[in-house]
């Protein structure tokens, strides 16, 4: 993201690792993880979220709203993490992201959530022109062309 500085990123203990961590200025700790697909090891899911206990959801799957005015810097950091992972794994052919839903957004499956749509806006900047994003229901799949 141009003009927005990323937070300091704590790298995985091994260079090809799949979990990255960072902490915002307000003390919110985030993790960004990449999971390989069972049927295609050149495809990965991207998962990111808050680790602080104060933001634990009352029930599983609830959308955590931090609302500390750091969203653009958080996204700049998540974007940088994804780019770092791509650099370490140049043979990957696809990535997938599914955003969790807030209770009032419906089921979080058939319709794209606000989190999914927000992530989708950053795809061209994160991945570049050699990747194509496809939105199906609530999942963004980014494919290498």
Protein backbone atom coordinates (compact mmCIF):
# COMPACT_ATOMS: atom_id res chain seq x y z
CA UNK A 1 0.00 0.00 0.00
CA UNK A 2 1.50 3.22 -1.11
CA UNK A 3 2.08 5.78 1.61
CA UNK A 4 0.98 3.54 4.49
CA UNK A 5 3.75 2.04 6.60
CA UNK A 6 3.46 -1.59 7.64
CA UNK A 7 3.96 -2.61 11.27
CA UNK A 8 7.05 -4.61 12.25
CA UNK A 9 6.47 -8.21 11.17
CA UNK A 10 7.64 -11.16 13.27
CA UNK A 11 8.71 -13.78 10.75
CA UNK A 12 8.21 -17.54 11.06
CA UNK A 13 11.06 -19.37 12.79
CA UNK A 14 11.92 -21.09 9.51
CA UNK A 15 12.03 -19.14 6.21
CA UNK A 16 9.39 -21.30 4.55
CA UNK A 17 7.09 -21.09 7.59
CA UNK A 18 3.44 -20.21 7.38
CA UNK A 19 2.64 -18.05 10.44
CA UNK A 20 3.52 -14.36 10.71
CA UNK A 21 2.75 -12.08 13.66
CA UNK A 22 2.59 -8.32 14.22
CA UNK A 23 1.45 -5.92 16.93
CA UNK A 24 -0.23 -2.57 16.27
CA UNK A 25 0.62 0.67 18.08
CA UNK A 26 -2.42 0.16 20.32
CA UNK A 27 -1.18 -3.29 21.35
CA UNK A 28 -3.47 -5.44 19.23
CA UNK A 29 -1.67 -8.64 18.20
CA UNK A 30 -2.47 -10.14 14.79
CA UNK A 31 -1.52 -13.35 13.10
CA UNK A 32 -1.47 -14.11 9.38
CA UNK A 33 -1.40 -17.81 8.49
CA UNK A 34 -1.17 -19.74 5.26
CA UNK A 35 -2.55 -23.27 5.01
CA UNK A 36 -1.82 -25.60 2.12
CA UNK A 37 -4.77 -27.34 0.49
CA UNK A 38 -4.84 -31.13 0.84
CA UNK A 39 -5.71 -31.79 -2.79
CA UNK A 40 -3.26 -29.24 -4.22
CA UNK A 41 -0.15 -28.27 -2.27
CA UNK A 42 0.38 -25.34 -4.66
CA UNK A 43 -2.83 -23.75 -3.37
CA UNK A 44 -3.14 -22.05 0.01
CA UNK A 45 -5.73 -20.42 2.21
CA UNK A 46 -4.99 -17.10 3.89
CA UNK A 47 -6.29 -16.58 7.42
CA UNK A 48 -5.70 -13.50 9.53
CA UNK A 49 -7.12 -12.24 12.76
CA UNK A 50 -6.65 -10.86 16.24
CA UNK A 51 -4.98 -12.91 18.98
CA UNK A 52 -5.71 -10.70 22.03
CA UNK A 53 -8.00 -12.36 24.56
CA UNK A 54 -9.94 -9.13 25.10
CA UNK A 55 -11.38 -9.57 21.61
CA UNK A 56 -12.42 -13.21 22.03
CA UNK A 57 -15.79 -13.74 20.43
CA UNK A 58 -18.71 -14.87 22.56
CA UNK A 59 -19.29 -17.69 20.11
CA UNK A 60 -17.06 -19.25 17.46
CA UNK A 61 -16.88 -17.50 14.12
CA UNK A 62 -17.97 -14.07 15.30
CA UNK A 63 -16.47 -11.19 13.37
CA UNK A 64 -14.05 -9.33 15.65
CA UNK A 65 -14.26 -5.56 15.33
CA UNK A 66 -11.21 -3.87 16.82
CA UNK A 67 -12.03 -0.32 15.68
CA UNK A 68 -8.85 1.39 16.86
CA UNK A 69 -8.35 3.45 13.68
CA UNK A 70 -5.54 1.21 12.47
CA UNK A 71 -7.27 -0.69 9.65
CA UNK A 72 -5.25 0.78 6.78
CA UNK A 73 -1.95 0.12 8.49
CA UNK A 74 -3.14 -3.36 9.45
CA UNK A 75 -4.04 -4.05 5.80
CA UNK A 76 -0.67 -2.64 4.67
CA UNK A 77 0.99 -5.14 7.00
CA UNK A 78 -1.20 -8.07 5.91
CA UNK A 79 -0.46 -7.11 2.29
CA UNK A 80 3.28 -7.11 2.99
CA UNK A 81 3.06 -10.50 4.74
CA UNK A 82 1.27 -12.01 1.74
CA UNK A 83 3.90 -10.58 -0.61
CA UNK A 84 6.67 -12.01 1.59
CA UNK A 85 5.00 -15.42 1.52
CA UNK A 86 4.64 -15.28 -2.28
CA UNK A 87 8.36 -14.45 -2.57
CA UNK A 88 9.25 -17.51 -0.44
CA UNK A 89 6.80 -19.77 -2.34
CA UNK A 90 7.08 -18.78 -6.04
CA UNK A 91 5.48 -21.99 -7.35
CA UNK A 92 2.09 -21.36 -5.71
CA UNK A 93 -0.77 -21.16 -8.21
CA UNK A 94 -3.65 -19.98 -6.05
CA UNK A 95 -4.63 -18.39 -2.76
CA UNK A 96 -8.03 -18.29 -1.13
CA UNK A 97 -9.59 -16.02 1.48
CA UNK A 98 -12.99 -16.27 3.14
CA UNK A 99 -14.01 -13.45 5.49
CA UNK A 100 -15.92 -14.21 8.66
CA UNK A 101 -19.30 -12.59 9.00
CA UNK A 102 -20.92 -10.38 11.56
CA UNK A 103 -24.19 -11.71 12.94
CA UNK A 104 -26.26 -9.24 10.91
CA UNK A 105 -24.57 -10.13 7.58
CA UNK A 106 -26.39 -13.40 7.05
CA UNK A 107 -24.80 -16.81 6.94
CA UNK A 108 -21.36 -15.73 5.70
CA UNK A 109 -21.46 -18.40 3.02
CA UNK A 110 -23.77 -17.44 0.16
CA UNK A 111 -23.08 -13.68 0.10
CA UNK A 112 -19.73 -11.90 0.37
CA UNK A 113 -19.18 -10.33 3.79
CA UNK A 114 -17.81 -6.84 4.38
CA UNK A 115 -14.46 -8.38 5.36
CA UNK A 116 -14.29 -10.38 2.11
CA UNK A 117 -15.18 -7.32 0.01
CA UNK A 118 -12.60 -5.21 1.85
CA UNK A 119 -9.88 -7.80 1.20
CA UNK A 120 -10.94 -8.05 -2.46
CA UNK A 121 -10.20 -4.33 -2.92
CA UNK A 122 -6.56 -4.94 -1.98
CA UNK A 123 -5.97 -7.95 -4.24
CA UNK A 124 -4.58 -6.04 -7.27
CA UNK A 125 -2.13 -4.15 -5.08
CA UNK A 126 -1.06 -7.23 -3.13
CA UNK A 127 -0.73 -9.72 -5.96
CA UNK A 128 -0.09 -7.63 -9.07
CA UNK A 129 -1.23 -8.02 -12.68
CA UNK A 130 -0.17 -11.66 -13.10
CA UNK A 131 -2.89 -12.78 -10.68
CA UNK A 132 -6.67 -12.78 -11.20
CA UNK A 133 -9.25 -12.61 -8.40
CA UNK A 134 -12.53 -14.51 -8.58
CA UNK A 135 -15.28 -13.87 -6.03
CA UNK A 136 -17.68 -16.76 -5.52
CA UNK A 137 -20.18 -16.40 -2.70
CA UNK A 138 -18.01 -15.38 0.28
CA UNK A 139 -14.66 -16.63 -0.99
CA UNK A 140 -12.03 -14.78 -2.98
CA UNK A 141 -9.78 -17.08 -5.00
CA UNK A 142 -6.66 -15.51 -6.50
CA UNK A 143 -5.27 -17.45 -9.45
CA UNK A 144 -1.93 -17.09 -11.18
CA UNK A 145 -2.49 -16.43 -14.87
